[in-house]
PDB file of N, CA and C in Angstrom:
ATOM      1  N   MET A   1      90.576-125.237 -13.975  1.00  0.00           N
ATOM      2  CA  MET A   1      89.669-124.640 -14.813  1.00  0.00           C
ATOM      3  C   MET A   1      89.758-123.349 -14.922  1.00  0.00           C
ATOM      4  N   GLY A   2      90.491-122.535 -14.957  1.00  0.00           N
ATOM      5  CA  GLY A   2      90.700-121.012 -15.727  1.00  0.00           C
ATOM      6  C   GLY A   2      90.370-120.292 -14.767  1.00  0.00           C
ATOM      7  N   TYR A   3      89.996-120.519 -13.466  1.00  0.00           N
ATOM      8  CA  TYR A   3      90.055-119.397 -12.321  1.00  0.00           C
ATOM      9  C   TYR A   3      90.666-118.484 -12.186  1.00  0.00           C
ATOM     10  N   GLY A   4      90.867-117.453 -12.240  1.00  0.00           N
ATOM     11  CA  GLY A   4      91.845-115.856 -12.077  1.00  0.00           C
ATOM     12  C   GLY A   4      92.362-116.023 -10.659  1.00  0.00           C
ATOM     13  N   ASP A   5      93.747-115.794 -10.660  1.00  0.00           N
ATOM     14  CA  ASP A   5      94.504-115.660  -9.351  1.00  0.00           C
ATOM     15  C   ASP A   5      93.568-114.959  -8.515  1.00  0.00           C
ATOM     16  N   LYS A   6      93.156-113.417  -8.378  1.00  0.00           N
ATOM     17  CA  LYS A   6      92.426-113.082  -7.364  1.00  0.00           C
ATOM     18  C   LYS A   6      91.337-113.944  -6.909  1.00  0.00           C
ATOM     19  N   TRP A   7      90.361-114.234  -8.073  1.00  0.00           N
ATOM     20  CA  TRP A   7      89.272-115.033  -7.244  1.00  0.00           C
ATOM     21  C   TRP A   7      89.768-116.296  -6.587  1.00  0.00           C
ATOM     22  N   ARG A   8      91.041-116.998  -6.742  1.00  0.00           N
ATOM     23  CA  ARG A   8      91.474-118.038  -5.684  1.00  0.00           C
ATOM     24  C   ARG A   8      91.821-117.530  -4.436  1.00  0.00           C
ATOM     25  N   MET A   9      92.535-116.313  -4.401  1.00  0.00           N
ATOM     26  CA  MET A   9      93.028-115.976  -3.774  1.00  0.00           C
ATOM     27  C   MET A   9      92.234-115.620  -2.507  1.00  0.00           C
ATOM     28  N   TRP A  10      90.789-114.816  -3.069  1.00  0.00           N
ATOM     29  CA  TRP A  10      89.512-114.741  -2.180  1.00  0.00           C
ATOM     30  C   TRP A  10      89.083-116.020  -1.533  1.00  0.00           C
ATOM     31  N   ILE A  11      89.241-116.921  -2.103  1.00  0.00           N
ATOM     32  CA  ILE A  11      88.114-118.181  -1.430  1.00  0.00           C
ATOM     33  C   ILE A  11      89.252-118.521  -0.545  1.00  0.00           C
ATOM     34  N   LYS A  12      90.777-118.576  -0.819  1.00  0.00           N
ATOM     35  CA  LYS A  12      91.595-118.943   0.087  1.00  0.00           C
ATOM     36  C   LYS A  12      91.755-118.312   1.230  1.00  0.00           C
ATOM     37  N   GLY A  13      91.430-116.908   1.266  1.00  0.00           N
ATOM     38  CA  GLY A  13      91.481-115.931   2.133  1.00  0.00           C
ATOM     39  C   GLY A  13      90.233-116.137   3.041  1.00  0.00           C
ATOM     40  N   CYS A  14      89.515-116.684   2.149  1.00  0.00           N
ATOM     41  CA  CYS A  14      88.062-117.028   3.263  1.00  0.00           C
ATOM     42  C   CYS A  14      88.185-118.433   4.318  1.00  0.00           C
ATOM     43  N   LEU A  15      88.962-119.199   3.362  1.00  0.00           N
ATOM     44  CA  LEU A  15      89.018-120.438   4.140  1.00  0.00           C
ATOM     45  C   LEU A  15      90.237-120.268   5.090  1.00  0.00           C
ATOM     46  N   GLN A  16      91.104-119.424   5.012  1.00  0.00           N
ATOM     47  CA  GLN A  16      92.187-119.106   6.087  1.00  0.00           C
ATOM     48  C   GLN A  16      91.907-118.716   7.046  1.00  0.00           C
ATOM     49  N   SER A  17      90.754-117.703   6.867  1.00  0.00           N
ATOM     50  CA  SER A  17      90.170-116.650   8.016  1.00  0.00           C
ATOM     51  C   SER A  17      89.523-117.309   9.258  1.00  0.00           C
ATOM     52  N   ALA A  18      89.089-118.624   8.621  1.00  0.00           N
ATOM     53  CA  ALA A  18      87.938-119.175   9.587  1.00  0.00           C
ATOM     54  C   ALA A  18      88.212-119.442  11.191  1.00  0.00           C
ATOM     55  N   ARG A  19      87.561-118.823  11.904  1.00  0.00           N
ATOM     56  CA  ARG A  19      87.685-119.242  13.313  1.00  0.00           C
ATOM     57  C   ARG A  19      86.321-119.461  13.932  1.00  0.00           C
ATOM     58  N   LEU A  20      86.691-120.375  14.660  1.00  0.00           N
ATOM     59  CA  LEU A  20      85.451-121.183  15.815  1.00  0.00           C
ATOM     60  C   LEU A  20      85.745-121.391  16.913  1.00  0.00           C
ATOM     61  N   SER A  21      84.537-121.660  17.589  1.00  0.00           N
ATOM     62  CA  SER A  21      84.866-121.999  19.303  1.00  0.00           C
ATOM     63  C   SER A  21      84.257-123.213  18.915  1.00  0.00           C
ATOM     64  N   VAL A  22      84.574-123.793  20.127  1.00  0.00           N
ATOM     65  CA  VAL A  22      83.497-125.016  20.636  1.00  0.00           C
ATOM     66  C   VAL A  22      82.263-124.923  22.087  1.00  0.00           C
ATOM     67  N   LEU A  23      80.989-125.141  22.076  1.00  0.00           N
ATOM     68  CA  LEU A  23      80.345-125.160  23.217  1.00  0.00           C
ATOM     69  C   LEU A  23      80.434-126.017  23.933  1.00  0.00           C
ATOM     70  N   ILE A  24      81.000-125.826  25.294  1.00  0.00           N
ATOM     71  CA  ILE A  24      80.913-126.924  26.172  1.00  0.00           C
ATOM     72  C   ILE A  24      79.797-126.199  27.706  1.00  0.00           C
ATOM     73  N   ASN A  25      79.002-127.496  27.747  1.00  0.00           N
ATOM     74  CA  ASN A  25      78.021-127.258  28.700  1.00  0.00           C
ATOM     75  C   ASN A  25      77.481-125.650  28.467  1.00  0.00           C
ATOM     76  N   GLY A  26      77.021-125.335  27.429  1.00  0.00           N
ATOM     77  CA  GLY A  26      76.036-124.306  26.534  1.00  0.00           C
ATOM     78  C   GLY A  26      77.356-122.941  26.504  1.00  0.00           C
ATOM     79  N   SER A  27      78.042-122.779  26.713  1.00  0.00           N
ATOM     80  CA  SER A  27      79.452-121.646  27.209  1.00  0.00           C
ATOM     81  C   SER A  27      80.530-122.409  26.261  1.00  0.00           C
ATOM     82  N   PRO A  28      80.655-120.832  25.185  1.00  0.00           N
ATOM     83  CA  PRO A  28      81.778-120.819  24.024  1.00  0.00           C
ATOM     84  C   PRO A  28      83.209-120.727  24.640  1.00  0.00           C
ATOM     85  N   THR A  29      83.871-121.693  24.074  1.00  0.00           N
ATOM     86  CA  THR A  29      85.182-121.703  24.300  1.00  0.00           C
ATOM     87  C   THR A  29      85.956-120.451  23.870  1.00  0.00           C
ATOM     88  N   ALA A  30      87.384-120.147  24.387  1.00  0.00           N
ATOM     89  CA  ALA A  30      87.998-118.809  23.723  1.00  0.00           C
ATOM     90  C   ALA A  30      87.998-119.520  21.949  1.00  0.00           C
ATOM     91  N   GLU A  31      88.119-118.261  21.077  1.00  0.00           N
ATOM     92  CA  GLU A  31      88.239-118.796  19.375  1.00  0.00           C
ATOM     93  C   GLU A  31      89.632-119.642  19.111  1.00  0.00           C
ATOM     94  N   PHE A  32      89.361-119.978  17.988  1.00  0.00           N
ATOM     95  CA  PHE A  32      90.704-120.667  17.557  1.00  0.00           C
ATOM     96  C   PHE A  32      90.836-120.707  16.255  1.00  0.00           C
ATOM     97  N   GLY A  33      91.681-120.754  15.580  1.00  0.00           N
ATOM     98  CA  GLY A  33      92.025-120.576  13.876  1.00  0.00           C
ATOM     99  C   GLY A  33      91.913-122.384  13.291  1.00  0.00           C
ATOM    100  N   MET A  34      91.068-122.795  12.705  1.00  0.00           N
ATOM    101  CA  MET A  34      91.056-123.936  11.679  1.00  0.00           C
ATOM    102  C   MET A  34      92.314-124.067  11.350  1.00  0.00           C
ATOM    103  N   GLU A  35      92.730-125.301  11.065  1.00  0.00           N
ATOM    104  CA  GLU A  35      94.118-126.095  10.504  1.00  0.00           C
ATOM    105  C   GLU A  35      93.565-126.598   9.103  1.00  0.00           C
ATOM    106  N   LYS A  36      92.782-127.659   8.833  1.00  0.00           N
ATOM    107  CA  LYS A  36      92.280-127.723   7.793  1.00  0.00           C
ATOM    108  C   LYS A  36      90.792-127.674   7.580  1.00  0.00           C
ATOM    109  N   GLY A  37      90.299-127.675   6.305  1.00  0.00           N
ATOM    110  CA  GLY A  37      89.032-128.380   6.156  1.00  0.00           C
ATOM    111  C   GLY A  37      87.994-126.855   6.229  1.00  0.00           C
ATOM    112  N   MET A  38      86.956-127.176   6.635  1.00  0.00           N
ATOM    113  CA  MET A  38      85.617-126.450   6.647  1.00  0.00           C
ATOM    114  C   MET A  38      85.095-126.672   8.183  1.00  0.00           C
ATOM    115  N   ARG A  39      84.139-125.265   8.399  1.00  0.00           N
ATOM    116  CA  ARG A  39      83.602-125.664   9.547  1.00  0.00           C
ATOM    117  C   ARG A  39      81.789-126.198   8.921  1.00  0.00           C
ATOM    118  N   GLN A  40      81.239-127.023   9.860  1.00  0.00           N
ATOM    119  CA  GLN A  40      80.091-127.725   9.482  1.00  0.00           C
ATOM    120  C   GLN A  40      79.185-126.091   9.070  1.00  0.00           C
ATOM    121  N   GLY A  41      78.510-126.499   8.346  1.00  0.00           N
ATOM    122  CA  GLY A  41      77.561-125.356   7.710  1.00  0.00           C
ATOM    123  C   GLY A  41      77.908-124.432   7.360  1.00  0.00           C
ATOM    124  N   ASP A  42      79.650-124.253   6.641  1.00  0.00           N
ATOM    125  CA  ASP A  42      79.825-123.154   6.036  1.00  0.00           C
ATOM    126  C   ASP A  42      79.492-122.846   4.705  1.00  0.00           C
ATOM    127  N   PRO A  43      79.009-121.681   4.592  1.00  0.00           N
ATOM    128  CA  PRO A  43      78.257-121.186   3.430  1.00  0.00           C
ATOM    129  C   PRO A  43      79.207-121.483   2.188  1.00  0.00           C
ATOM    130  N   LEU A  44      80.292-121.488   1.938  1.00  0.00           N
ATOM    131  CA  LEU A  44      80.942-121.732   0.807  1.00  0.00           C
ATOM    132  C   LEU A  44      81.230-123.167   0.653  1.00  0.00           C
ATOM    133  N   SER A  45      80.649-124.239   1.435  1.00  0.00           N
ATOM    134  CA  SER A  45      80.891-125.571   1.443  1.00  0.00           C
ATOM    135  C   SER A  45      80.045-126.028  -0.191  1.00  0.00           C
ATOM    136  N   PRO A  46      78.820-125.806  -0.350  1.00  0.00           N
ATOM    137  CA  PRO A  46      78.051-126.245  -1.543  1.00  0.00           C
ATOM    138  C   PRO A  46      78.828-125.577  -3.062  1.00  0.00           C
ATOM    139  N   PHE A  47      78.950-124.303  -2.764  1.00  0.00           N
ATOM    140  CA  PHE A  47      79.896-123.834  -4.080  1.00  0.00           C
ATOM    141  C   PHE A  47      81.234-124.536  -4.104  1.00  0.00           C
ATOM    142  N   LEU A  48      81.946-124.556  -3.250  1.00  0.00           N
ATOM    143  CA  LEU A  48      83.106-125.767  -3.450  1.00  0.00           C
ATOM    144  C   LEU A  48      82.879-126.669  -4.041  1.00  0.00           C
ATOM    145  N   PHE A  49      82.040-127.483  -3.442  1.00  0.00           N
ATOM    146  CA  PHE A  49      81.715-129.091  -3.854  1.00  0.00           C
ATOM    147  C   PHE A  49      81.512-128.858  -5.253  1.00  0.00           C
ATOM    148  N   ILE A  50      80.710-128.110  -5.683  1.00  0.00           N
ATOM    149  CA  ILE A  50      80.192-127.642  -7.137  1.00  0.00           C
ATOM    150  C   ILE A  50      81.347-127.786  -8.161  1.00  0.00           C
ATOM    151  N   ILE A  51      82.411-126.935  -7.337  1.00  0.00           N
ATOM    152  CA  ILE A  51      83.584-126.353  -8.427  1.00  0.00           C
ATOM    153  C   ILE A  51      84.062-127.926  -8.476  1.00  0.00           C
ATOM    154  N   ALA A  52      84.305-128.654  -7.425  1.00  0.00           N
ATOM    155  CA  ALA A  52      85.409-129.974  -7.484  1.00  0.00           C
ATOM    156  C   ALA A  52      84.453-131.129  -8.211  1.00  0.00           C
ATOM    157  N   MET A  53      82.885-131.100  -8.045  1.00  0.00           N
ATOM    158  CA  MET A  53      82.283-132.321  -8.942  1.00  0.00           C
ATOM    159  C   MET A  53      82.242-131.686 -10.330  1.00  0.00           C
ATOM    160  N   GLU A  54      82.480-130.762 -10.398  1.00  0.00           N
ATOM    161  CA  GLU A  54      82.912-130.144 -12.185  1.00  0.00           C
ATOM    162  C   GLU A  54      84.030-130.817 -12.584  1.00  0.00           C
ATOM    163  N   GLY A  55      85.398-130.685 -11.873  1.00  0.00           N
ATOM    164  CA  GLY A  55      86.249-131.448 -12.128  1.00  0.00           C
ATOM    165  C   GLY A  55      86.074-133.053 -11.868  1.00  0.00           C
ATOM    166  N   LEU A  56      85.356-133.722 -11.769  1.00  0.00           N
ATOM    167  CA  LEU A  56      85.007-135.024 -11.365  1.00  0.00           C
ATOM    168  C   LEU A  56      84.356-135.408 -12.633  1.00  0.00           C
ATOM    169  N   ASN A  57      83.088-134.388 -13.300  1.00  0.00           N
ATOM    170  CA  ASN A  57      82.260-134.537 -14.150  1.00  0.00           C
ATOM    171  C   ASN A  57      83.170-134.833 -15.667  1.00  0.00           C
ATOM    172  N   ILE A  58      84.013-133.614 -15.578  1.00  0.00           N
ATOM    173  CA  ILE A  58      85.124-133.397 -17.023  1.00  0.00           C
ATOM    174  C   ILE A  58      85.887-135.101 -16.985  1.00  0.00           C
ATOM    175  N   ALA A  59      86.530-135.090 -16.226  1.00  0.00           N
ATOM    176  CA  ALA A  59      87.121-136.610 -15.734  1.00  0.00           C
ATOM    177  C   ALA A  59      86.423-137.721 -16.229  1.00  0.00           C
ATOM    178  N   VAL A  60      85.099-137.994 -15.885  1.00  0.00           N
ATOM    179  CA  VAL A  60      84.434-139.052 -16.246  1.00  0.00           C
ATOM    180  C   VAL A  60      83.969-138.920 -17.895  1.00  0.00           C
ATOM    181  N   LYS A  61      83.837-137.720 -17.926  1.00  0.00           N
ATOM    182  CA  LYS A  61      83.199-137.799 -19.880  1.00  0.00           C
ATOM    183  C   LYS A  61      84.653-138.154 -20.596  1.00  0.00           C
ATOM    184  N   ALA A  62      86.036-137.398 -19.859  1.00  0.00           N
ATOM    185  CA  ALA A  62      86.989-137.624 -20.617  1.00  0.00           C
ATOM    186  C   ALA A  62      87.458-139.450 -20.584  1.00  0.00           C
ATOM    187  N   ALA A  63      87.024-139.870 -19.699  1.00  0.00           N
ATOM    188  CA  ALA A  63      87.387-141.472 -19.503  1.00  0.00           C
ATOM    189  C   ALA A  63      86.607-142.013 -20.707  1.00  0.00           C
ATOM    190  N   CYS A  64      85.028-141.724 -20.711  1.00  0.00           N
ATOM    191  CA  CYS A  64      84.284-142.251 -21.522  1.00  0.00           C
ATOM    192  C   CYS A  64      84.421-142.413 -23.078  1.00  0.00           C
ATOM    193  N   GLN A  65      84.954-141.051 -23.280  1.00  0.00           N
ATOM    194  CA  GLN A  65      85.628-140.730 -24.415  1.00  0.00           C
ATOM    195  C   GLN A  65      86.296-141.383 -25.273  1.00  0.00           C
ATOM    196  N   LYS A  66      87.600-141.616 -24.187  1.00  0.00           N
ATOM    197  CA  LYS A  66      88.649-142.575 -24.638  1.00  0.00           C
ATOM    198  C   LYS A  66      88.641-143.900 -24.219  1.00  0.00           C
ATOM    199  N   ASP A  67      87.171-144.546 -24.074  1.00  0.00           N
ATOM    200  CA  ASP A  67      86.582-145.753 -24.342  1.00  0.00           C
ATOM    201  C   ASP A  67      87.353-146.358 -22.633  1.00  0.00           C
ATOM    202  N   LEU A  68      87.742-145.801 -21.568  1.00  0.00           N
ATOM    203  CA  LEU A  68      88.216-146.384 -20.890  1.00  0.00           C
ATOM    204  C   LEU A  68      87.024-146.404 -19.404  1.00  0.00           C
ATOM    205  N   PHE A  69      86.286-145.824 -19.352  1.00  0.00           N
ATOM    206  CA  PHE A  69      85.090-146.201 -19.134  1.00  0.00           C
ATOM    207  C   PHE A  69      83.660-146.353 -19.659  1.00  0.00           C
ATOM    208  N   HIS A  70      83.086-147.349 -19.504  1.00  0.00           N
ATOM    209  CA  HIS A  70      81.966-147.560 -20.237  1.00  0.00           C
ATOM    210  C   HIS A  70      79.940-147.239 -19.543  1.00  0.00           C
ATOM    211  N   GLY A  71      79.812-146.678 -19.573  1.00  0.00           N
ATOM    212  CA  GLY A  71      78.261-146.208 -18.970  1.00  0.00           C
ATOM    213  C   GLY A  71      77.277-147.111 -19.504  1.00  0.00           C
ATOM    214  N   ILE A  72      75.848-146.817 -19.635  1.00  0.00           N
ATOM    215  CA  ILE A  72      74.965-147.508 -20.057  1.00  0.00           C
ATOM    216  C   ILE A  72      74.267-146.702 -20.849  1.00  0.00           C
ATOM    217  N   LYS A  73      73.797-147.703 -22.083  1.00  0.00           N
ATOM    218  CA  LYS A  73      72.669-146.944 -22.943  1.00  0.00           C
ATOM    219  C   LYS A  73      71.271-147.284 -22.776  1.00  0.00           C
ATOM    220  N   ILE A  74      70.483-146.222 -23.011  1.00  0.00           N
ATOM    221  CA  ILE A  74      69.037-146.342 -22.371  1.00  0.00           C
ATOM    222  C   ILE A  74      68.288-147.104 -24.029  1.00  0.00           C
ATOM    223  N   PRO A  75      67.742-148.375 -23.497  1.00  0.00           N
ATOM    224  CA  PRO A  75      67.089-149.033 -24.720  1.00  0.00           C
ATOM    225  C   PRO A  75      66.429-148.190 -25.410  1.00  0.00           C
ATOM    226  N   HIS A  76      66.186-148.750 -27.039  1.00  0.00           N
ATOM    227  CA  HIS A  76      65.523-147.559 -27.886  1.00  0.00           C
ATOM    228  C   HIS A  76      65.526-146.379 -28.038  1.00  0.00           C
ATOM    229  N   SER A  77      67.316-145.851 -27.590  1.00  0.00           N
ATOM    230  CA  SER A  77      67.473-144.200 -27.567  1.00  0.00           C
ATOM    231  C   SER A  77      68.510-144.131 -27.919  1.00  0.00           C
ATOM    232  N   GLU A  78      69.164-143.154 -27.961  1.00  0.00           N
ATOM    233  CA  GLU A  78      70.539-142.733 -28.358  1.00  0.00           C
ATOM    234  C   GLU A  78      71.132-142.250 -27.356  1.00  0.00           C
ATOM    235  N   ILE A  79      70.282-142.030 -25.997  1.00  0.00           N
ATOM    236  CA  ILE A  79      71.008-141.431 -24.719  1.00  0.00           C
ATOM    237  C   ILE A  79      71.755-142.660 -24.029  1.00  0.00           C
ATOM    238  N   SER A  80      72.994-142.056 -23.794  1.00  0.00           N
ATOM    239  CA  SER A  80      73.409-142.956 -22.471  1.00  0.00           C
ATOM    240  C   SER A  80      74.376-142.307 -21.325  1.00  0.00           C
ATOM    241  N   PHE A  81      74.470-142.540 -20.165  1.00  0.00           N
ATOM    242  CA  PHE A  81      74.770-142.023 -19.646  1.00  0.00           C
ATOM    243  C   PHE A  81      75.972-142.761 -18.313  1.00  0.00           C
ATOM    244  N   SER A  82      76.977-142.479 -17.583  1.00  0.00           N
ATOM    245  CA  SER A  82      78.180-143.026 -17.020  1.00  0.00           C
ATOM    246  C   SER A  82      77.970-142.242 -15.271  1.00  0.00           C
ATOM    247  N   HIS A  83      77.025-141.234 -15.116  1.00  0.00           N
ATOM    248  CA  HIS A  83      77.280-140.627 -13.650  1.00  0.00           C
ATOM    249  C   HIS A  83      76.145-139.781 -13.787  1.00  0.00           C
ATOM    250  N   LEU A  84      75.863-139.615 -12.398  1.00  0.00           N
ATOM    251  CA  LEU A  84      74.798-138.576 -11.685  1.00  0.00           C
ATOM    252  C   LEU A  84      74.958-137.914 -10.381  1.00  0.00           C
ATOM    253  N   PHE A  85      75.229-136.545 -10.722  1.00  0.00           N
ATOM    254  CA  PHE A  85      75.340-135.768  -9.074  1.00  0.00           C
ATOM    255  C   PHE A  85      74.330-135.583  -8.860  1.00  0.00           C
ATOM    256  N   TYR A  86      74.099-135.596  -7.150  1.00  0.00           N
ATOM    257  CA  TYR A  86      73.104-134.684  -6.912  1.00  0.00           C
ATOM    258  C   TYR A  86      73.350-134.070  -5.438  1.00  0.00           C
ATOM    259  N   ALA A  87      73.400-133.336  -5.065  1.00  0.00           N
ATOM    260  CA  ALA A  87      73.751-132.332  -3.858  1.00  0.00           C
ATOM    261  C   ALA A  87      75.312-133.316  -3.468  1.00  0.00           C
ATOM    262  N   ASP A  88      75.502-133.762  -2.697  1.00  0.00           N
ATOM    263  CA  ASP A  88      77.032-134.526  -2.092  1.00  0.00           C
ATOM    264  C   ASP A  88      76.881-135.628  -2.397  1.00  0.00           C
ATOM    265  N   ASP A  89      76.151-136.149  -3.532  1.00  0.00           N
ATOM    266  CA  ASP A  89      76.401-137.827  -3.822  1.00  0.00           C
ATOM    267  C   ASP A  89      76.765-137.825  -5.292  1.00  0.00           C
ATOM    268  N   ALA A  90      77.387-138.563  -5.593  1.00  0.00           N
ATOM    269  CA  ALA A  90      77.841-139.402  -6.338  1.00  0.00           C
ATOM    270  C   ALA A  90      77.460-140.436  -7.270  1.00  0.00           C
ATOM    271  N   ILE A  91      76.856-140.768  -8.205  1.00  0.00           N
ATOM    272  CA  ILE A  91      76.292-142.415  -8.478  1.00  0.00           C
ATOM    273  C   ILE A  91      77.175-142.486  -9.900  1.00  0.00           C
ATOM    274  N   PHE A  92      77.842-143.881  -9.785  1.00  0.00           N
ATOM    275  CA  PHE A  92      78.234-143.870 -10.881  1.00  0.00           C
ATOM    276  C   PHE A  92      77.618-145.497 -11.788  1.00  0.00           C
ATOM    277  N   VAL A  93      77.175-145.157 -13.061  1.00  0.00           N
ATOM    278  CA  VAL A  93      76.627-146.309 -13.331  1.00  0.00           C
ATOM    279  C   VAL A  93      77.199-146.830 -14.687  1.00  0.00           C
ATOM    280  N   GLY A  94      77.661-148.435 -15.016  1.00  0.00           N
ATOM    281  CA  GLY A  94      78.412-148.802 -16.109  1.00  0.00           C
ATOM    282  C   GLY A  94      78.176-149.953 -16.463  1.00  0.00           C
ATOM    283  N   GLU A  95      79.074-150.463 -17.294  1.00  0.00           N
ATOM    284  CA  GLU A  95      79.118-151.699 -17.984  1.00  0.00           C
ATOM    285  C   GLU A  95      79.719-152.787 -16.853  1.00  0.00           C
ATOM    286  N   TRP A  96      78.976-153.969 -16.429  1.00  0.00           N
ATOM    287  CA  TRP A  96      79.624-154.706 -15.618  1.00  0.00           C
ATOM    288  C   TRP A  96      80.874-155.604 -15.961  1.00  0.00           C
ATOM    289  N   SER A  97      81.720-155.261 -15.637  1.00  0.00           N
ATOM    290  CA  SER A  97      83.148-155.768 -16.326  1.00  0.00           C
ATOM    291  C   SER A  97      84.193-155.297 -15.331  1.00  0.00           C
ATOM    292  N   GLN A  98      85.191-156.032 -15.290  1.00  0.00           N
ATOM    293  CA  GLN A  98      86.389-155.807 -14.129  1.00  0.00           C
ATOM    294  C   GLN A  98      87.298-154.933 -14.795  1.00  0.00           C
ATOM    295  N   SER A  99      87.472-154.807 -16.127  1.00  0.00           N
ATOM    296  CA  SER A  99      88.290-153.331 -16.793  1.00  0.00           C
ATOM    297  C   SER A  99      87.400-152.267 -16.015  1.00  0.00           C
ATOM    298  N   ASN A 100      86.370-151.994 -16.357  1.00  0.00           N
ATOM    299  CA  ASN A 100      85.283-150.940 -16.314  1.00  0.00           C
ATOM    300  C   ASN A 100      85.380-150.621 -14.907  1.00  0.00           C
ATOM    301  N   ILE A 101      85.631-151.268 -13.899  1.00  0.00           N
ATOM    302  CA  ILE A 101      85.281-151.321 -12.192  1.00  0.00           C
ATOM    303  C   ILE A 101      86.693-150.943 -11.738  1.00  0.00           C
ATOM    304  N   LYS A 102      87.783-151.301 -12.376  1.00  0.00           N
ATOM    305  CA  LYS A 102      89.298-151.080 -12.532  1.00  0.00           C
ATOM    306  C   LYS A 102      89.559-149.428 -12.629  1.00  0.00           C
ATOM    307  N   ASN A 103      89.329-149.083 -14.030  1.00  0.00           N
ATOM    308  CA  ASN A 103      89.435-147.895 -14.530  1.00  0.00           C
ATOM    309  C   ASN A 103      88.678-146.649 -13.503  1.00  0.00           C
ATOM    310  N   LEU A 104      87.341-147.102 -13.409  1.00  0.00           N
ATOM    311  CA  LEU A 104      86.694-146.297 -12.259  1.00  0.00           C
ATOM    312  C   LEU A 104      87.357-145.959 -10.890  1.00  0.00           C
ATOM    313  N   ALA A 105      87.799-146.976 -10.363  1.00  0.00           N
ATOM    314  CA  ALA A 105      88.239-146.890  -9.258  1.00  0.00           C
ATOM    315  C   ALA A 105      89.874-145.886  -9.431  1.00  0.00           C
ATOM    316  N   ARG A 106      90.360-146.225 -10.138  1.00  0.00           N
ATOM    317  CA  ARG A 106      91.774-145.560 -10.491  1.00  0.00           C
ATOM    318  C   ARG A 106      91.412-144.197 -11.368  1.00  0.00           C
ATOM    319  N   GLY A 107      90.152-143.789 -11.406  1.00  0.00           N
ATOM    320  CA  GLY A 107      89.782-142.611 -11.850  1.00  0.00           C
ATOM    321  C   GLY A 107      89.713-141.711 -10.498  1.00  0.00           C
ATOM    322  N   ILE A 108      88.812-142.679  -9.710  1.00  0.00           N
ATOM    323  CA  ILE A 108      88.208-141.878  -8.623  1.00  0.00           C
ATOM    324  C   ILE A 108      89.559-141.835  -7.622  1.00  0.00           C
ATOM    325  N   LYS A 109      90.639-142.611  -7.637  1.00  0.00           N
ATOM    326  CA  LYS A 109      91.696-142.410  -6.752  1.00  0.00           C
ATOM    327  C   LYS A 109      92.657-141.099  -7.045  1.00  0.00           C
ATOM    328  N   MET A 110      92.654-141.021  -8.650  1.00  0.00           N
ATOM    329  CA  MET A 110      93.199-139.823  -9.014  1.00  0.00           C
ATOM    330  C   MET A 110      92.752-138.673  -8.386  1.00  0.00           C
ATOM    331  N   PHE A 111      91.053-138.620  -8.313  1.00  0.00           N
ATOM    332  CA  PHE A 111      90.723-137.308  -8.357  1.00  0.00           C
ATOM    333  C   PHE A 111      90.544-137.079  -6.773  1.00  0.00           C
ATOM    334  N   SER A 112      90.878-138.040  -6.128  1.00  0.00           N
ATOM    335  CA  SER A 112      91.024-137.867  -4.667  1.00  0.00           C
ATOM    336  C   SER A 112      92.438-137.235  -4.012  1.00  0.00           C
ATOM    337  N   GLY A 113      93.541-137.528  -5.412  1.00  0.00           N
ATOM    338  CA  GLY A 113      94.655-136.991  -4.809  1.00  0.00           C
ATOM    339  C   GLY A 113      95.281-138.290  -4.261  1.00  0.00           C
ATOM    340  N   GLY A 114      94.890-139.633  -4.199  1.00  0.00           N
ATOM    341  CA  GLY A 114      95.664-140.772  -4.000  1.00  0.00           C
ATOM    342  C   GLY A 114      96.508-141.549  -5.303  1.00  0.00           C
ATOM    343  N   VAL A 115      96.910-140.817  -5.786  1.00  0.00           N
ATOM    344  CA  VAL A 115      97.722-141.301  -7.166  1.00  0.00           C
ATOM    345  C   VAL A 115      98.422-142.268  -6.493  1.00  0.00           C
TER     346      VAL A 115
END
């Protein structure tokens, strides 16, 4: 999405430098480094989610423009939509057809890295 090398390295540094401990009977264990993912309640989490969802937003819009996915049109209006994002939820809305469902499933699989 065009983020500069410096910015990406800052985010990577924040994620790789994370350390945590676990409370056992109210007492913390020794700190250890994270292997993957993020800590629960990590302040970066909402921002990284927004960035990821913007990528999905662009992909779904492109699929609609290429007639691979068909959203729905509001009656008596020029307004149509295919997806909604709110907080950590995604809702996809479209025509009820086998090809629409297959193309949406393919797109989500590609987005998740499961090509």
